[in-house]
């Protein structure tokens, strides 16, 4: 039987498509759109807590509902792009992303913000699979494709730097909703550039877009992630168990349906490729180990160390700088040494850096934090860039959308699980702090709520309460960092074996 995993041969003309580098600029803008949105939320969290007064559970939902929805829809949207055209779905999704960002900016209740973040996930699910799939169709030469993926990854990392810095500036001068409006000029520029430069591409014989598969994928992913989140936060309950069973049954039905369909939404035979499966698993576990820490680091910098938002944004810059630098050379290093050396080495470096962050305290100087974040960025830049290239090079170009969607699903699922699991560690430890008499009950919901509550308390009691709350939050951050470090080091070992003999 002929394998579906071997990329089709291409002619020299196809390999050197004119205007491909200019078209890449539009894809870079799409990546920036998503990356900026993801990073500004963490910086704005203290202000959201103060203005909307969400509970601790609502705050976690605000943080991860975007990832829940996008993880449930990525495969479906990637497959839809293969069918109706990746350029079309990218431009429509970008327009919707900008419009829904306005709804996020003007949310007036925690529930409204959660709903707006969910809608943003629907729009976001159209963007990332389309960008990687278009790269696969624009760049057929392996070396050019590696460089293009490196630029793509560097743009994502640059977005993580632009987000906090621009967001910090806005938060010091405007209300928290202004951070979501950053998306609008990026969206407008993306659409204008993309309309003119991006070529349309699609699967020439895709088959129908199976709605039942879409529903099974969405229900399965959301229910499973919800069950993990609730179990981590509140323990196993009847509702949690029911969600886990529903999600597992839906995902099982999705897989069985894909295996029996002549032209499935997602070709499950992709996972027979060891390199493809290893890269996807490495991405999922890496993001899981890092995301919980990233979500709470901005709160630590502002609410524990007392930095202003703009200063906190600058403090996180080394991670983005390291990732940009590593992403530019990752493909070259993987060909010079090997894929598994670069990926496993990068993951191990991130694990060691996360372990160093277990020493953070209110008095920790910036050189320690900055150095650790730089190592995190370099390690992640090497790993994510090479695994993305492995995933793209493992499939035929007409399946690039589906394969890219699997990659992004792993990323978003890892983010949701990381925030749920590691975030629940931070929240659980924080809620156990010893508060003086007269402390408002809401102070235990989040550190932002405690800071807000302190303004209504007598000065001595407020100082005592805030000290205990900050110490407890920091202790939770230590445990989450340690857990993340263990996950990253274990993932480095797994990647070493699964990516053996893998080439770009």
Protein backbone atom coordinates (compact mmCIF):
# COMPACT_ATOMS: atom_id res chain seq x y z
CA UNK A 1 0.00 0.00 0.00
CA UNK A 2 1.32 3.44 -0.84
CA UNK A 3 1.96 5.56 2.24
CA UNK A 4 0.06 8.83 2.55
CA UNK A 5 3.00 10.30 4.44
CA UNK A 6 5.44 10.81 1.58
CA UNK A 7 5.47 14.35 0.22
CA UNK A 8 4.73 14.57 -3.48
CA UNK A 9 7.58 15.39 -5.86
CA UNK A 10 7.62 18.96 -7.09
CA UNK A 11 9.25 20.68 -10.00
CA UNK A 12 11.93 23.34 -9.73
CA UNK A 13 9.34 25.93 -10.82
CA UNK A 14 7.08 24.97 -7.94
CA UNK A 15 9.96 25.12 -5.50
CA UNK A 16 10.77 28.69 -6.45
CA UNK A 17 7.31 30.27 -6.47
CA UNK A 18 7.64 34.02 -7.19
CA UNK A 19 6.62 36.36 -4.40
CA UNK A 20 6.75 33.66 -1.75
CA UNK A 21 8.74 35.76 0.72
CA UNK A 22 6.37 38.71 0.39
CA UNK A 23 3.45 36.34 0.93
CA UNK A 24 5.20 35.08 4.08
CA UNK A 25 4.86 38.60 5.54
CA UNK A 26 1.08 38.21 5.60
CA UNK A 27 1.41 34.92 7.46
CA UNK A 28 3.77 36.59 9.91
CA UNK A 29 1.08 39.19 10.63
CA UNK A 30 -1.44 36.42 11.36
CA UNK A 31 0.95 34.85 13.85
CA UNK A 32 1.53 38.23 15.48
CA UNK A 33 -2.23 38.67 15.78
CA UNK A 34 -2.60 35.49 17.84
CA UNK A 35 0.64 35.85 19.84
CA UNK A 36 -0.04 39.42 20.92
CA UNK A 37 -3.54 38.50 22.09
CA UNK A 38 -2.26 35.54 24.10
CA UNK A 39 0.36 37.55 26.00
CA UNK A 40 -1.54 40.71 26.82
CA UNK A 41 -4.19 38.79 28.76
CA UNK A 42 -1.78 37.73 31.50
CA UNK A 43 -0.59 41.31 31.92
CA UNK A 44 -4.15 42.61 32.14
CA UNK A 45 -5.31 39.97 34.62
CA UNK A 46 -4.77 42.09 37.77
CA UNK A 47 -6.82 44.91 36.25
CA UNK A 48 -9.55 42.53 35.14
CA UNK A 49 -9.67 41.17 38.70
CA UNK A 50 -10.02 44.67 40.10
CA UNK A 51 -12.66 45.87 37.63
CA UNK A 52 -14.83 42.80 37.03
CA UNK A 53 -14.19 41.03 40.36
CA UNK A 54 -14.22 37.48 38.96
CA UNK A 55 -13.96 34.46 41.23
CA UNK A 56 -10.79 32.36 41.11
CA UNK A 57 -12.55 29.81 38.91
CA UNK A 58 -13.85 32.53 36.58
CA UNK A 59 -10.34 33.96 36.33
CA UNK A 60 -9.02 30.58 35.21
CA UNK A 61 -11.84 30.32 32.67
CA UNK A 62 -10.98 33.76 31.32
CA UNK A 63 -7.42 32.51 30.92
CA UNK A 64 -8.08 29.16 29.30
CA UNK A 65 -11.50 29.15 27.60
CA UNK A 66 -9.82 30.50 24.45
CA UNK A 67 -7.53 27.47 24.43
CA UNK A 68 -10.43 25.10 25.15
CA UNK A 69 -12.44 26.28 22.15
CA UNK A 70 -9.52 26.60 19.78
CA UNK A 71 -8.29 23.11 20.71
CA UNK A 72 -11.73 21.72 19.94
CA UNK A 73 -12.00 23.43 16.56
CA UNK A 74 -8.47 23.45 15.12
CA UNK A 75 -8.70 20.10 13.37
CA UNK A 76 -12.09 20.99 11.91
CA UNK A 77 -10.95 24.42 10.76
CA UNK A 78 -7.71 23.07 9.34
CA UNK A 79 -9.67 20.54 7.34
CA UNK A 80 -12.17 23.21 6.27
CA UNK A 81 -9.29 25.32 4.96
CA UNK A 82 -8.06 22.32 2.95
CA UNK A 83 -11.52 22.19 1.37
CA UNK A 84 -12.63 25.77 0.77
CA UNK A 85 -9.22 27.44 0.48
CA UNK A 86 -6.61 28.35 3.08
CA UNK A 87 -6.30 31.95 1.95
CA UNK A 88 -10.06 32.41 2.18
CA UNK A 89 -10.38 30.97 5.67
CA UNK A 90 -7.33 32.92 6.88
CA UNK A 91 -8.72 36.28 5.75
CA UNK A 92 -12.24 35.60 7.00
CA UNK A 93 -10.86 34.39 10.33
CA UNK A 94 -8.61 37.42 10.71
CA UNK A 95 -11.54 39.77 10.12
CA UNK A 96 -13.64 37.92 12.69
CA UNK A 97 -10.72 37.94 15.14
CA UNK A 98 -10.51 41.71 14.96
CA UNK A 99 -14.26 42.18 15.37
CA UNK A 100 -14.50 39.87 18.38
CA UNK A 101 -11.50 41.59 19.98
CA UNK A 102 -13.71 44.68 20.29
CA UNK A 103 -16.27 42.59 22.18
CA UNK A 104 -13.51 41.45 24.56
CA UNK A 105 -12.36 45.00 25.10
CA UNK A 106 -15.79 46.22 26.21
CA UNK A 107 -16.89 43.22 28.31
CA UNK A 108 -18.64 44.38 31.49
CA UNK A 109 -18.96 41.12 33.45
CA UNK A 110 -16.79 38.02 33.95
CA UNK A 111 -19.37 35.92 32.10
CA UNK A 112 -19.39 38.29 29.14
CA UNK A 113 -15.58 38.23 28.96
CA UNK A 114 -15.52 34.42 29.12
CA UNK A 115 -18.05 34.25 26.27
CA UNK A 116 -16.05 36.79 24.25
CA UNK A 117 -12.86 34.81 24.77
CA UNK A 118 -14.67 31.68 23.57
CA UNK A 119 -15.76 33.46 20.37
CA UNK A 120 -12.19 34.63 19.91
CA UNK A 121 -11.18 30.97 20.06
CA UNK A 122 -13.56 30.19 17.19
CA UNK A 123 -11.93 32.89 15.07
CA UNK A 124 -8.42 31.97 16.20
CA UNK A 125 -8.94 28.35 15.16
CA UNK A 126 -9.00 29.47 11.53
CA UNK A 127 -5.66 31.28 11.63
CA UNK A 128 -2.79 29.08 12.81
CA UNK A 129 -3.48 25.93 10.71
CA UNK A 130 -3.88 28.12 7.63
CA UNK A 131 -0.54 29.89 8.18
CA UNK A 132 1.50 26.70 8.46
CA UNK A 133 -0.39 25.03 5.61
CA UNK A 134 0.29 27.99 3.33
CA UNK A 135 3.99 27.85 4.24
CA UNK A 136 3.99 24.17 3.24
CA UNK A 137 2.48 25.13 -0.13
CA UNK A 138 4.64 28.21 -0.69
CA UNK A 139 8.01 26.64 0.16
CA UNK A 140 8.73 23.22 -1.31
CA UNK A 141 12.50 23.36 -0.96
CA UNK A 142 13.37 21.89 2.49
CA UNK A 143 15.98 24.52 3.32
CA UNK A 144 13.73 27.41 2.32
CA UNK A 145 10.85 25.87 4.23
CA UNK A 146 13.00 25.52 7.36
CA UNK A 147 13.93 29.18 7.11
CA UNK A 148 10.29 30.17 6.54
CA UNK A 149 9.17 28.14 9.56
CA UNK A 150 11.94 29.80 11.55
CA UNK A 151 10.67 33.23 10.54
CA UNK A 152 7.12 32.09 11.39
CA UNK A 153 8.24 30.93 14.84
CA UNK A 154 10.29 34.07 15.38
CA UNK A 155 7.21 36.16 14.60
CA UNK A 156 5.25 34.28 17.25
CA UNK A 157 8.02 34.95 19.73
CA UNK A 158 8.24 38.60 18.69
CA UNK A 159 4.51 38.82 19.33
CA UNK A 160 5.04 37.60 22.87
CA UNK A 161 7.45 40.51 23.31
CA UNK A 162 5.34 43.15 21.58
CA UNK A 163 2.24 42.11 23.54
CA UNK A 164 3.51 42.76 27.07
CA UNK A 165 5.37 45.93 26.14
CA UNK A 166 2.52 47.50 24.18
CA UNK A 167 0.01 46.14 26.69
CA UNK A 168 1.99 47.51 29.60
CA UNK A 169 2.09 50.95 28.01
CA UNK A 170 -1.68 50.88 27.38
CA UNK A 171 -2.48 49.65 30.89
CA UNK A 172 -0.59 52.56 32.39
CA UNK A 173 -2.57 55.07 30.33
CA UNK A 174 -5.93 53.46 29.52
CA UNK A 175 -8.35 50.83 30.81
CA UNK A 176 -7.64 47.09 30.60
CA UNK A 177 -9.86 46.60 27.55
CA UNK A 178 -7.47 48.67 25.45
CA UNK A 179 -5.02 45.75 25.30
CA UNK A 180 -7.42 43.80 23.09
CA UNK A 181 -7.67 46.67 20.62
CA UNK A 182 -4.02 46.10 19.64
CA UNK A 183 -5.41 43.41 17.35
CA UNK A 184 -7.28 45.83 15.11
CA UNK A 185 -4.42 47.53 13.21
CA UNK A 186 -2.64 44.17 12.83
CA UNK A 187 -5.83 42.62 11.46
CA UNK A 188 -6.36 45.44 8.94
CA UNK A 189 -2.77 45.22 7.69
CA UNK A 190 -2.99 41.42 7.45
CA UNK A 191 -6.12 41.53 5.31
CA UNK A 192 -4.74 44.23 3.00
CA UNK A 193 -1.41 42.43 2.49
CA UNK A 194 -2.94 38.96 2.33
CA UNK A 195 -5.51 39.81 -0.34
CA UNK A 196 -2.74 40.94 -2.69
CA UNK A 197 0.09 38.50 -1.96
CA UNK A 198 -1.24 35.14 -0.76
CA UNK A 199 -1.97 32.45 -3.34
CA UNK A 200 -5.06 30.33 -2.84
CA UNK A 201 -4.47 26.64 -2.12
CA UNK A 202 -6.70 23.72 -1.26
CA UNK A 203 -6.91 19.96 -1.41
CA UNK A 204 -7.98 19.15 -5.02
CA UNK A 205 -10.04 16.14 -3.91
CA UNK A 206 -10.96 16.69 -0.26
CA UNK A 207 -14.31 14.98 0.05
CA UNK A 208 -17.21 16.43 2.06
CA UNK A 209 -16.73 18.36 5.31
CA UNK A 210 -18.30 15.89 7.73
CA UNK A 211 -20.39 17.82 10.27
CA UNK A 212 -20.71 14.85 12.63
CA UNK A 213 -16.92 14.60 12.84
CA UNK A 214 -16.76 18.31 13.62
CA UNK A 215 -19.26 17.92 16.47
CA UNK A 216 -17.51 14.83 17.89
CA UNK A 217 -14.13 16.60 17.82
CA UNK A 218 -15.46 19.76 19.47
CA UNK A 219 -17.47 17.98 22.18
CA UNK A 220 -14.70 15.50 22.89
CA UNK A 221 -11.89 18.04 23.27
CA UNK A 222 -13.86 20.54 25.34
CA UNK A 223 -15.38 17.90 27.63
CA UNK A 224 -12.06 16.17 28.33
CA UNK A 225 -10.18 19.39 29.02
CA UNK A 226 -13.05 20.65 31.19
CA UNK A 227 -12.94 17.42 33.20
CA UNK A 228 -9.20 17.72 33.77
CA UNK A 229 -9.53 21.36 34.78
CA UNK A 230 -12.36 20.75 37.24
CA UNK A 231 -10.72 17.64 38.72
CA UNK A 232 -7.52 19.60 39.30
CA UNK A 233 -9.40 22.47 40.95
CA UNK A 234 -12.13 20.69 42.92
CA UNK A 235 -11.39 16.97 42.86
CA UNK A 236 -13.39 14.23 41.20
CA UNK A 237 -17.14 14.88 41.26
CA UNK A 238 -20.10 13.38 39.47
CA UNK A 239 -20.18 16.22 36.96
CA UNK A 240 -16.44 15.91 36.32
CA UNK A 241 -16.69 12.16 35.79
CA UNK A 242 -19.65 12.60 33.44
CA UNK A 243 -17.72 15.17 31.40
CA UNK A 244 -14.70 12.86 31.21
CA UNK A 245 -16.85 9.96 30.01
CA UNK A 246 -18.69 12.12 27.48
CA UNK A 247 -15.45 13.53 26.12
CA UNK A 248 -13.74 10.16 25.92
CA UNK A 249 -16.73 8.63 24.14
CA UNK A 250 -16.90 11.51 21.66
CA UNK A 251 -13.16 11.31 20.86
CA UNK A 252 -13.38 7.54 20.49
CA UNK A 253 -16.28 8.00 18.09
CA UNK A 254 -14.30 10.65 16.18
CA UNK A 255 -11.30 8.35 15.71
CA UNK A 256 -13.45 5.38 14.64
CA UNK A 257 -15.33 7.53 12.17
CA UNK A 258 -12.11 8.88 10.64
CA UNK A 259 -10.76 5.34 10.18
CA UNK A 260 -13.87 4.23 8.29
CA UNK A 261 -14.38 7.26 6.04
CA UNK A 262 -12.86 7.15 2.52
CA UNK A 263 -11.85 10.84 2.81
CA UNK A 264 -11.77 11.68 6.53
CA UNK A 265 -11.66 15.03 8.25
CA UNK A 266 -8.32 13.94 9.76
CA UNK A 267 -6.28 11.11 8.27
CA UNK A 268 -5.35 9.08 11.35
CA UNK A 269 -2.63 7.32 9.36
CA UNK A 270 -0.54 10.44 9.83
CA UNK A 271 0.21 9.20 13.34
CA UNK A 272 1.90 6.07 11.99
CA UNK A 273 4.84 8.30 11.20
CA UNK A 274 7.05 8.20 14.28
CA UNK A 275 8.54 11.62 13.65
CA UNK A 276 5.11 13.22 13.23
CA UNK A 277 3.76 11.61 16.41
CA UNK A 278 6.90 12.43 18.38
CA UNK A 279 6.85 16.08 17.33
CA UNK A 280 3.16 16.45 18.22
CA UNK A 281 3.64 14.83 21.63
CA UNK A 282 6.70 16.97 22.34
CA UNK A 283 4.75 20.15 21.55
CA UNK A 284 1.82 19.16 23.76
CA UNK A 285 3.94 18.30 26.80
CA UNK A 286 6.26 21.28 26.36
CA UNK A 287 3.43 23.80 26.31
CA UNK A 288 1.76 22.00 29.22
CA UNK A 289 4.91 22.38 31.29
CA UNK A 290 5.39 26.06 30.43
CA UNK A 291 1.92 27.58 30.14
CA UNK A 292 0.81 27.52 33.76
CA UNK A 293 3.96 29.37 34.75
CA UNK A 294 3.64 31.92 31.95
CA UNK A 295 0.03 32.67 32.89
CA UNK A 296 0.98 33.55 36.48
CA UNK A 297 4.39 35.16 35.91
CA UNK A 298 2.94 38.54 34.97
CA UNK A 299 0.90 38.52 38.19
CA UNK A 300 4.06 37.72 40.16
CA UNK A 301 5.98 40.59 38.57
CA UNK A 302 3.19 43.11 39.22
CA UNK A 303 1.45 41.97 42.40
CA UNK A 304 4.38 40.40 44.28
CA UNK A 305 7.40 42.37 43.09
CA UNK A 306 5.42 45.59 42.59
CA UNK A 307 6.45 46.34 39.01
CA UNK A 308 4.38 48.63 36.81
CA UNK A 309 2.70 46.98 33.80
CA UNK A 310 5.14 48.42 31.26
CA UNK A 311 8.09 47.37 33.40
CA UNK A 312 6.61 43.88 33.79
CA UNK A 313 6.26 43.65 30.01
CA UNK A 314 9.90 44.61 29.51
CA UNK A 315 10.94 42.09 32.17
CA UNK A 316 9.54 39.26 30.04
CA UNK A 317 11.40 40.44 26.91
CA UNK A 318 14.44 38.07 27.20
CA UNK A 319 12.23 35.02 26.56
CA UNK A 320 11.04 36.48 23.25
CA UNK A 321 14.54 37.62 22.25
CA UNK A 322 15.92 34.16 22.91
CA UNK A 323 13.13 32.47 20.97
CA UNK A 324 13.54 34.78 17.96
CA UNK A 325 17.29 34.18 17.83
CA UNK A 326 16.94 30.40 18.21
CA UNK A 327 14.11 30.14 15.69
CA UNK A 328 16.21 31.76 12.96
CA UNK A 329 18.96 29.11 13.18
CA UNK A 330 17.04 26.07 14.45
CA UNK A 331 16.57 24.40 11.06
CA UNK A 332 20.26 24.81 10.17
CA UNK A 333 21.34 23.35 13.51
CA UNK A 334 18.95 20.41 13.14
CA UNK A 335 20.49 19.52 9.77
CA UNK A 336 24.01 20.05 11.05
CA UNK A 337 23.63 17.94 14.19
CA UNK A 338 20.29 16.11 14.26
CA UNK A 339 16.63 16.79 14.92
CA UNK A 340 16.61 14.98 18.23
CA UNK A 341 19.73 16.74 19.52
CA UNK A 342 18.21 20.18 18.86
CA UNK A 343 14.72 19.34 20.16
CA UNK A 344 15.81 17.37 23.24
CA UNK A 345 18.54 19.87 24.05
CA UNK A 346 16.12 22.76 23.81
CA UNK A 347 13.58 21.05 26.03
CA UNK A 348 16.19 20.14 28.62
CA UNK A 349 17.36 23.78 28.72
CA UNK A 350 13.79 24.96 29.36
CA UNK A 351 13.43 22.36 32.12
CA UNK A 352 16.57 23.56 33.87
CA UNK A 353 15.48 27.21 33.58
CA UNK A 354 12.06 26.40 35.07
CA UNK A 355 13.82 24.66 37.94
CA UNK A 356 15.80 27.85 38.57
CA UNK A 357 12.54 29.80 38.86
CA UNK A 358 11.64 27.78 41.96
CA UNK A 359 13.97 30.16 43.83
CA UNK A 360 12.00 33.31 42.99
CA UNK A 361 11.04 35.58 45.85
CA UNK A 362 9.86 39.14 46.26
CA UNK A 363 13.48 40.25 46.63
CA UNK A 364 14.91 38.24 43.72
CA UNK A 365 17.01 40.50 41.51
CA UNK A 366 16.21 40.82 37.84
CA UNK A 367 19.47 39.25 36.54
CA UNK A 368 18.38 35.83 37.85
CA UNK A 369 14.88 36.13 36.39
CA UNK A 370 16.09 37.60 33.09
CA UNK A 371 18.71 34.90 32.60
CA UNK A 372 16.18 32.14 33.29
CA UNK A 373 13.67 33.64 30.84
CA UNK A 374 16.38 33.98 28.18
CA UNK A 375 17.18 30.27 28.48
CA UNK A 376 13.47 29.42 28.34
CA UNK A 377 13.15 31.42 25.13
CA UNK A 378 16.20 29.89 23.45
CA UNK A 379 15.19 26.34 24.34
CA UNK A 380 11.60 26.82 23.26
CA UNK A 381 12.66 28.53 20.03
CA UNK A 382 14.84 25.58 19.03
CA UNK A 383 12.24 22.97 19.96
CA UNK A 384 9.06 24.51 18.54
CA UNK A 385 10.65 25.58 15.25
CA UNK A 386 12.11 22.15 14.51
CA UNK A 387 9.01 20.20 15.55
CA UNK A 388 6.85 22.43 13.32
CA UNK A 389 9.19 21.72 10.42
CA UNK A 390 9.11 17.97 11.15
CA UNK A 391 5.31 17.98 11.12
CA UNK A 392 5.10 19.90 7.82
CA UNK A 393 7.74 17.79 6.09
CA UNK A 394 6.04 14.53 7.09
CA UNK A 395 2.86 15.01 5.03
CA UNK A 396 1.84 15.69 1.44
CA UNK A 397 1.09 19.33 0.75
CA UNK A 398 -2.63 18.68 0.15
CA UNK A 399 -2.90 17.51 3.77
CA UNK A 400 -0.88 20.39 5.18
CA UNK A 401 -3.91 22.06 6.73
CA UNK A 402 -4.96 18.97 8.67
CA UNK A 403 -1.40 18.27 9.80
CA UNK A 404 -0.88 21.88 10.85
CA UNK A 405 -4.14 21.71 12.76
CA UNK A 406 -2.91 18.66 14.67
CA UNK A 407 0.23 20.58 15.58
CA UNK A 408 -1.72 23.61 16.75
CA UNK A 409 -4.24 21.42 18.59
CA UNK A 410 -1.38 19.92 20.57
CA UNK A 411 -0.16 23.43 21.36
CA UNK A 412 -3.55 24.76 22.46
CA UNK A 413 -4.49 21.59 24.33
CA UNK A 414 -1.18 21.77 26.16
CA UNK A 415 -1.87 25.41 27.04
CA UNK A 416 -5.34 24.61 28.37
CA UNK A 417 -4.14 21.63 30.38
CA UNK A 418 -1.13 23.55 31.67
CA UNK A 419 -3.24 26.44 32.91
CA UNK A 420 -5.76 24.00 34.38
CA UNK A 421 -3.26 21.72 36.14
CA UNK A 422 -0.35 23.99 37.03
CA UNK A 423 -2.67 26.97 37.48
CA UNK A 424 -4.74 24.95 39.90
CA UNK A 425 -1.59 24.24 41.91
CA UNK A 426 -0.95 27.97 42.26
CA UNK A 427 -4.58 28.73 43.07
CA UNK A 428 -4.91 25.84 45.52
CA UNK A 429 -1.79 26.77 47.47
CA UNK A 430 -2.70 30.46 47.42
CA UNK A 431 -6.11 29.89 48.98
CA UNK A 432 -4.50 28.26 52.01
CA UNK A 433 -2.76 31.39 53.29
CA UNK A 434 -3.39 32.48 56.86
CA UNK A 435 -5.39 35.71 56.86
CA UNK A 436 -5.85 38.08 59.82
CA UNK A 437 -9.35 38.62 61.29
CA UNK A 438 -11.48 40.95 59.21
CA UNK A 439 -10.07 39.87 55.86
CA UNK A 440 -12.82 39.92 53.21
CA UNK A 441 -13.76 36.45 51.96
CA UNK A 442 -13.07 37.43 48.36
CA UNK A 443 -9.37 37.97 49.14
CA UNK A 444 -8.81 34.21 48.86
CA UNK A 445 -10.14 34.06 45.31
CA UNK A 446 -7.03 35.54 43.71
CA UNK A 447 -4.01 37.67 44.55
CA UNK A 448 -5.53 40.53 42.56
CA UNK A 449 -8.64 40.32 44.73
CA UNK A 450 -6.46 40.39 47.85
CA UNK A 451 -4.69 43.54 46.69
CA UNK A 452 -8.07 45.15 46.02
CA UNK A 453 -9.45 44.02 49.39
CA UNK A 454 -6.45 45.47 51.22
CA UNK A 455 -7.58 48.99 50.31
CA UNK A 456 -10.62 48.61 52.59
CA UNK A 457 -8.71 47.20 55.60
CA UNK A 458 -6.81 48.96 58.40
CA UNK A 459 -3.16 49.46 57.46
CA UNK A 460 -1.58 46.91 59.88
CA UNK A 461 -4.07 44.17 58.98
CA UNK A 462 -3.76 44.96 55.26
CA UNK A 463 0.04 44.65 55.42
CA UNK A 464 -0.17 41.34 57.28
CA UNK A 465 -2.75 39.95 54.88
CA UNK A 466 -0.86 41.02 51.75
CA UNK A 467 2.43 39.58 53.02
CA UNK A 468 0.78 36.23 53.72
CA UNK A 469 -1.06 36.26 50.38
CA UNK A 470 2.06 37.12 48.38
CA UNK A 471 4.14 34.48 50.16
CA UNK A 472 1.48 31.86 49.52
CA UNK A 473 1.16 32.83 45.86
CA UNK A 474 4.95 32.66 45.44
CA UNK A 475 5.05 29.24 47.08
CA UNK A 476 2.40 28.02 44.65
CA UNK A 477 4.44 29.45 41.78
CA UNK A 478 7.48 27.51 43.04
CA UNK A 479 5.54 24.24 43.01
CA UNK A 480 4.15 24.95 39.53
CA UNK A 481 7.64 25.77 38.25
CA UNK A 482 9.00 22.55 39.74
CA UNK A 483 6.21 20.50 38.18
CA UNK A 484 6.77 22.22 34.84
CA UNK A 485 10.49 21.51 35.04
CA UNK A 486 9.83 17.81 35.64
CA UNK A 487 7.47 17.68 32.64
CA UNK A 488 10.01 19.39 30.35
CA UNK A 489 12.92 17.16 31.40
CA UNK A 490 10.79 14.04 30.91
CA UNK A 491 9.67 15.33 27.50
CA UNK A 492 13.31 15.84 26.49
CA UNK A 493 13.96 12.16 27.18
CA UNK A 494 10.85 11.06 25.28
CA UNK A 495 11.76 13.24 22.28
CA UNK A 496 15.27 11.79 22.21
CA UNK A 497 13.86 8.32 21.50
CA UNK A 498 10.86 9.21 19.34
CA UNK A 499 12.80 11.51 17.02
CA UNK A 500 15.66 9.07 16.43
CA UNK A 501 16.82 9.13 12.78
CA UNK A 502 14.37 11.95 11.97
CA UNK A 503 15.59 14.25 9.19
CA UNK A 504 14.44 17.60 7.82
